[in-house]
Every structure is written in structure tokens, then in C-alpha cells.
Amino acid sequence: MITPLSFIAQGLQRAYLEIVQPTVSDPLIPLKFNPTDYQLHKQNTFADVPIPGLESPPIQFVRGECEKLTVELLADTSDTLEDVRLRYTNKLRGLMNIQSDLHAPPIVRFIWDAQIFLGVVESLNITFQLFTPEGVPIRAKIATTLKEYRPAEKQTRERPTLSPDFDKAFVARAGDTLSNVAAVTYKDPGAWRAIARANGIEDPRALEPGRTLNIPRLR
């Protein structure tokens, strides 16, 4: 069985978190013990394309969901009797605070043998488990979830998937118009008429949120 102590005995590289943005004087948050496991979760969203007469409608890819990393960490200062909050957990809790430079919590990466994940801390659950006679916590179990951070412009450069030459689907959101849907799917807001014709829409400014639009290929 692999335990935090056996990791140390094997001399494996210690995992740590690093603040990527904003720039800070001390970006590293070391972990005393390596985690025993971590979980990556990725999900895609697909929409049914309603075609009369079919038992099973074809599906169209709509969008990807953010990948998530879930990991449970152990912080322990029982060897020194230091306050585990001051040594470890306060730093981790700070990763959920809004930074003035970003107007959002910091962007961090989880590193072990290499960069495993880049994202923001979505949730943090700290359970204090061991205390000194004075009530000072010296051990904490930290369950945390990181949510993927990938700027849209970087994704577009890496995987330019939007193209006007094949059929696809688009799920309308509140405030969407056919012009901005055409701008996203065709890179041309003036192509909204093709979407209107394919979906029988008379008013291009009014779209019901949640409606799945058929986006025809441009010929």
C-alpha cells in the first residue's frame, strides 16, 4: 500500500502548487506529503438534432466542459507542533481569494513529476484532525478541486474547429442573436440569414435561451 510516508522513503519528487498569475514574490506552495492519488474529469456536451421520422436523432457536438482535477492533500506539523494553519492551510485558502490584478482568484498549476494541471481552485474543504493540548491544529486533510484554465485565444490557435463548410449545432444562451451566433460559427455576422432559413426563424434578434440551432454548411 502506498502511503505519504512510503513516498518519502522512496525519495520521490515532492508535489507542489505554483501561483502562475498574478506575479507574486513567493509563488511556490510546497506540500509536505505527496497525494496517494488524484482524479481528472473531462466531459463534453452534445445536443440532439431534431429530425422528424427518426427513432434516434443524430447528435451534434456543442462544446467541451472544463476539465477538473480532484485531489486530497495531507498537511501535518506533528513533528514540530507548529500551527498547521500558519504553515500550510492558510496559503491554500488564499488561492480562493480575489486578486486585485486579475479581479479573480489566482491561476495555479499542480506539479509533481511535471505540470499535471493548470487552473483555478474551485473548491476547498479542510478538515482539522489532530490538535495540541492547547487546541492548536497540527494535522489537516484538504480536499480540493481545480478547474481548468485555458484562454479562448489559445484554444483557437491549438484547435481551430469552427468552420463554415460542415453542419453543426449551437445552443443559444440568454442575450444571443443570430448575428452573434453567425459570428461565432461562421466568423461572419452577416451570414445569419442561412441560420434563420434553416431554423424557420423570422425575428433574428429574439432567440429562446436553450434552443438548439441547426447551423448549415455554407455553400
Protein backbone atom coordinates (compact mmCIF):
# COMPACT_ATOMS: atom_id res chain seq x y z
CA MET A 1 0.00 0.00 0.00
CA ILE A 2 1.32 3.44 -0.95
CA THR A 3 1.19 5.96 1.90
CA PRO A 4 2.57 9.50 2.30
CA LEU A 5 5.40 8.12 4.45
CA SER A 6 6.31 5.47 1.89
CA PHE A 7 6.52 8.17 -0.77
CA ILE A 8 9.14 9.95 1.30
CA ALA A 9 11.01 6.70 1.93
CA GLN A 10 11.17 6.08 -1.81
CA GLY A 11 12.70 9.51 -2.35
CA LEU A 12 10.14 10.55 -4.95
CA GLN A 13 9.82 14.15 -6.04
CA ARG A 14 7.57 16.18 -3.79
CA ALA A 15 4.40 17.65 -5.29
CA TYR A 16 3.67 21.35 -5.00
CA LEU A 17 1.39 24.13 -6.21
CA GLU A 18 2.69 27.21 -8.01
CA ILE A 19 0.93 30.54 -8.48
CA VAL A 20 1.21 31.44 -12.17
CA GLN A 21 -0.84 34.66 -12.19
CA PRO A 22 -0.55 37.22 -10.74
CA THR A 23 3.19 37.52 -10.20
CA VAL A 24 3.99 37.18 -6.50
CA SER A 25 7.27 37.18 -4.58
CA ASP A 26 6.83 33.63 -3.26
CA PRO A 27 4.78 31.64 -5.82
CA LEU A 28 5.51 28.11 -4.54
CA ILE A 29 3.23 26.33 -2.09
CA PRO A 30 5.06 23.12 -1.12
CA LEU A 31 3.26 20.02 0.09
CA LYS A 32 4.83 18.01 2.85
CA PHE A 33 3.37 14.74 1.58
CA ASN A 34 2.63 13.62 -1.93
CA PRO A 35 -1.02 12.68 -2.58
CA THR A 36 -1.84 8.99 -2.80
CA ASP A 37 -3.96 9.64 -5.91
CA TYR A 38 -5.64 12.35 -7.95
CA GLN A 39 -8.56 12.32 -10.35
CA LEU A 40 -9.05 14.06 -13.70
CA HIS A 41 -12.57 14.54 -15.02
CA LYS A 42 -13.45 15.78 -18.52
CA GLN A 43 -16.91 15.99 -20.08
CA ASN A 44 -18.36 17.06 -23.43
CA THR A 45 -21.85 18.38 -24.20
CA PHE A 46 -23.80 17.03 -27.17
CA ALA A 47 -27.23 18.07 -28.46
CA ASP A 48 -29.88 16.01 -30.22
CA VAL A 49 -30.68 17.32 -33.70
CA PRO A 50 -34.47 17.00 -34.10
CA ILE A 51 -35.25 15.37 -37.46
CA PRO A 52 -38.85 14.17 -37.94
CA GLY A 53 -39.30 10.45 -38.52
CA LEU A 54 -36.12 9.19 -36.85
CA GLU A 55 -36.22 6.93 -33.79
CA SER A 56 -32.82 8.16 -32.61
CA PRO A 57 -31.91 11.70 -33.59
CA PRO A 58 -28.32 12.32 -34.64
CA ILE A 59 -26.18 14.14 -32.14
CA GLN A 60 -24.01 17.17 -32.69
CA PHE A 61 -21.06 18.26 -30.59
CA VAL A 62 -21.91 21.55 -28.85
CA ARG A 63 -18.97 22.35 -26.63
CA GLY A 64 -16.48 20.89 -24.23
CA GLU A 65 -16.72 21.32 -20.49
CA CYS A 66 -13.83 22.42 -18.31
CA GLU A 67 -11.63 19.60 -17.14
CA LYS A 68 -11.35 19.22 -13.36
CA LEU A 69 -8.68 17.83 -11.08
CA THR A 70 -9.71 16.48 -7.69
CA VAL A 71 -7.07 15.65 -5.11
CA GLU A 72 -6.87 15.09 -1.36
CA LEU A 73 -3.82 16.51 0.38
CA LEU A 74 -2.47 15.95 3.87
CA ALA A 75 -0.83 18.72 5.90
CA ASP A 76 0.92 17.71 9.11
CA THR A 77 3.14 19.53 11.62
CA SER A 78 3.00 16.95 14.41
CA ASP A 79 6.79 16.71 14.35
CA THR A 80 7.26 20.41 15.18
CA LEU A 81 3.85 21.18 16.80
CA GLU A 82 3.57 24.29 14.62
CA ASP A 83 0.11 25.59 13.79
CA VAL A 84 -0.77 23.76 10.57
CA ARG A 85 -2.89 26.73 9.52
CA LEU A 86 0.10 29.07 9.52
CA ARG A 87 2.39 26.56 7.81
CA TYR A 88 0.07 25.15 5.15
CA THR A 89 -3.67 25.66 5.09
CA ASN A 90 -3.80 29.47 5.15
CA LYS A 91 -1.71 29.52 1.96
CA LEU A 92 -4.05 27.09 0.28
CA ARG A 93 -7.09 29.03 1.48
CA GLY A 94 -5.57 32.15 -0.07
CA LEU A 95 -5.84 30.55 -3.51
CA MET A 96 -9.58 31.27 -3.37
CA ASN A 97 -9.18 34.98 -2.61
CA ILE A 98 -9.78 37.56 -5.33
CA GLN A 99 -6.56 39.15 -6.58
CA SER A 100 -6.65 42.86 -7.41
CA ASP A 101 -4.54 42.37 -10.57
CA LEU A 102 -6.88 39.73 -12.01
CA HIS A 103 -10.19 40.67 -10.34
CA ALA A 104 -10.41 36.92 -9.76
CA PRO A 105 -8.64 34.21 -7.73
CA PRO A 106 -5.10 33.33 -8.86
CA ILE A 107 -4.24 30.87 -11.60
CA VAL A 108 -2.16 27.98 -10.29
CA ARG A 109 -0.54 24.82 -11.52
CA PHE A 110 -0.23 21.49 -9.78
CA ILE A 111 3.19 19.97 -10.36
CA TRP A 112 4.58 16.60 -9.41
CA ASP A 113 6.88 14.91 -11.91
CA ALA A 114 5.79 17.57 -14.43
CA GLN A 115 2.95 20.05 -14.80
CA ILE A 116 -0.16 17.97 -14.23
CA PHE A 117 -2.81 20.67 -14.25
CA LEU A 118 -3.27 24.41 -14.83
CA GLY A 119 -6.37 26.03 -13.40
CA VAL A 120 -8.09 27.82 -10.55
CA VAL A 121 -9.20 26.45 -7.20
CA GLU A 122 -12.94 25.81 -7.49
CA SER A 123 -13.50 24.26 -4.08
CA LEU A 124 -11.56 23.65 -0.89
CA ASN A 125 -12.64 21.53 2.06
CA ILE A 126 -10.29 21.50 5.07
CA THR A 127 -10.78 19.06 7.95
CA PHE A 128 -8.56 19.54 11.01
CA GLN A 129 -7.85 16.16 12.57
CA LEU A 130 -5.16 16.45 15.26
CA PHE A 131 -4.63 19.09 17.95
CA THR A 132 -2.19 20.01 20.69
CA PRO A 133 -3.46 20.09 24.31
CA GLU A 134 -3.95 23.85 23.79
CA GLY A 135 -6.23 23.25 20.80
CA VAL A 136 -3.76 24.22 18.07
CA PRO A 137 -4.41 22.14 14.91
CA ILE A 138 -1.37 20.20 13.73
CA ARG A 139 -2.90 17.97 11.05
CA ALA A 140 -5.39 18.72 8.29
CA LYS A 141 -6.96 16.79 5.44
CA ILE A 142 -7.52 19.05 2.43
CA ALA A 143 -9.90 18.04 -0.35
CA THR A 144 -9.61 20.42 -3.29
CA THR A 145 -10.87 20.70 -6.85
CA LEU A 146 -9.10 22.67 -9.55
CA LYS A 147 -10.96 23.84 -12.64
CA GLU A 148 -9.14 24.04 -15.94
CA TYR A 149 -7.88 27.40 -17.19
CA ARG A 150 -7.44 27.67 -20.97
CA PRO A 151 -7.87 31.10 -22.60
CA ALA A 152 -10.16 31.11 -25.64
CA GLU A 153 -7.49 32.58 -27.92
CA LYS A 154 -5.09 29.77 -27.00
CA GLN A 155 -7.70 27.11 -27.71
CA THR A 156 -8.48 28.69 -31.08
CA ARG A 157 -4.82 28.58 -32.05
CA GLU A 158 -4.41 24.98 -30.90
CA ARG A 159 -7.62 23.56 -32.36
CA PRO A 160 -9.38 25.73 -34.95
CA THR A 161 -12.58 23.66 -35.05
CA LEU A 162 -15.16 26.23 -36.16
CA SER A 163 -15.59 26.06 -39.92
CA PRO A 164 -18.38 27.16 -42.29
CA ASP A 165 -18.09 24.08 -44.50
CA PHE A 166 -19.91 21.46 -42.39
CA ASP A 167 -23.18 21.14 -40.48
CA LYS A 168 -23.19 21.58 -36.72
CA ALA A 169 -25.41 22.65 -33.83
CA PHE A 170 -25.38 25.61 -31.47
CA VAL A 171 -27.26 26.02 -28.19
CA ALA A 172 -28.48 29.59 -27.74
CA ARG A 173 -27.80 31.44 -24.50
CA ALA A 174 -29.54 34.42 -22.94
CA GLY A 175 -28.85 37.54 -24.99
CA ASP A 176 -27.79 35.69 -28.14
CA THR A 177 -28.88 36.96 -31.56
CA LEU A 178 -28.50 35.29 -34.92
CA SER A 179 -25.82 37.81 -35.82
CA ASN A 180 -23.54 36.85 -32.93
CA VAL A 181 -24.24 33.15 -33.48
CA ALA A 182 -23.15 33.61 -37.11
CA ALA A 183 -20.06 35.50 -35.91
CA VAL A 184 -19.10 32.57 -33.65
CA THR A 185 -19.87 29.74 -36.07
CA TYR A 186 -19.07 31.32 -39.46
CA LYS A 187 -16.76 34.17 -38.44
CA ASP A 188 -19.23 36.33 -40.36
CA PRO A 189 -22.18 38.01 -38.56
CA GLY A 190 -23.76 38.81 -41.93
CA ALA A 191 -24.34 35.10 -42.56
CA TRP A 192 -27.21 34.99 -40.05
CA ARG A 193 -29.81 34.54 -42.83
CA ALA A 194 -28.60 30.99 -43.52
CA ILE A 195 -29.24 30.09 -39.87
CA ALA A 196 -32.64 31.81 -39.91
CA ARG A 197 -33.74 29.86 -43.01
CA ALA A 198 -32.53 26.53 -41.61
CA ASN A 199 -34.45 27.01 -38.37
CA GLY A 200 -37.55 28.86 -39.57
CA ILE A 201 -36.76 31.99 -37.55
CA GLU A 202 -38.44 35.25 -38.53
CA ASP A 203 -37.04 37.58 -35.87
CA PRO A 204 -33.22 37.36 -35.83
CA ARG A 205 -32.96 39.39 -32.62
CA ALA A 206 -35.09 37.10 -30.45
CA LEU A 207 -33.74 33.68 -29.55
CA GLU A 208 -35.07 31.49 -26.78
CA PRO A 209 -32.23 30.53 -24.40
CA GLY A 210 -31.54 26.81 -24.58
CA ARG A 211 -32.81 26.41 -28.13
CA THR A 212 -30.65 24.18 -30.29
CA LEU A 213 -29.98 25.76 -33.67
CA ASN A 214 -29.05 23.80 -36.77
CA ILE A 215 -26.05 25.53 -38.31
CA PRO A 216 -25.98 24.59 -42.00
CA ARG A 217 -22.84 24.50 -44.05
CA LEU A 218 -22.28 27.49 -46.31
CA ARG A 219 -22.09 26.60 -49.96
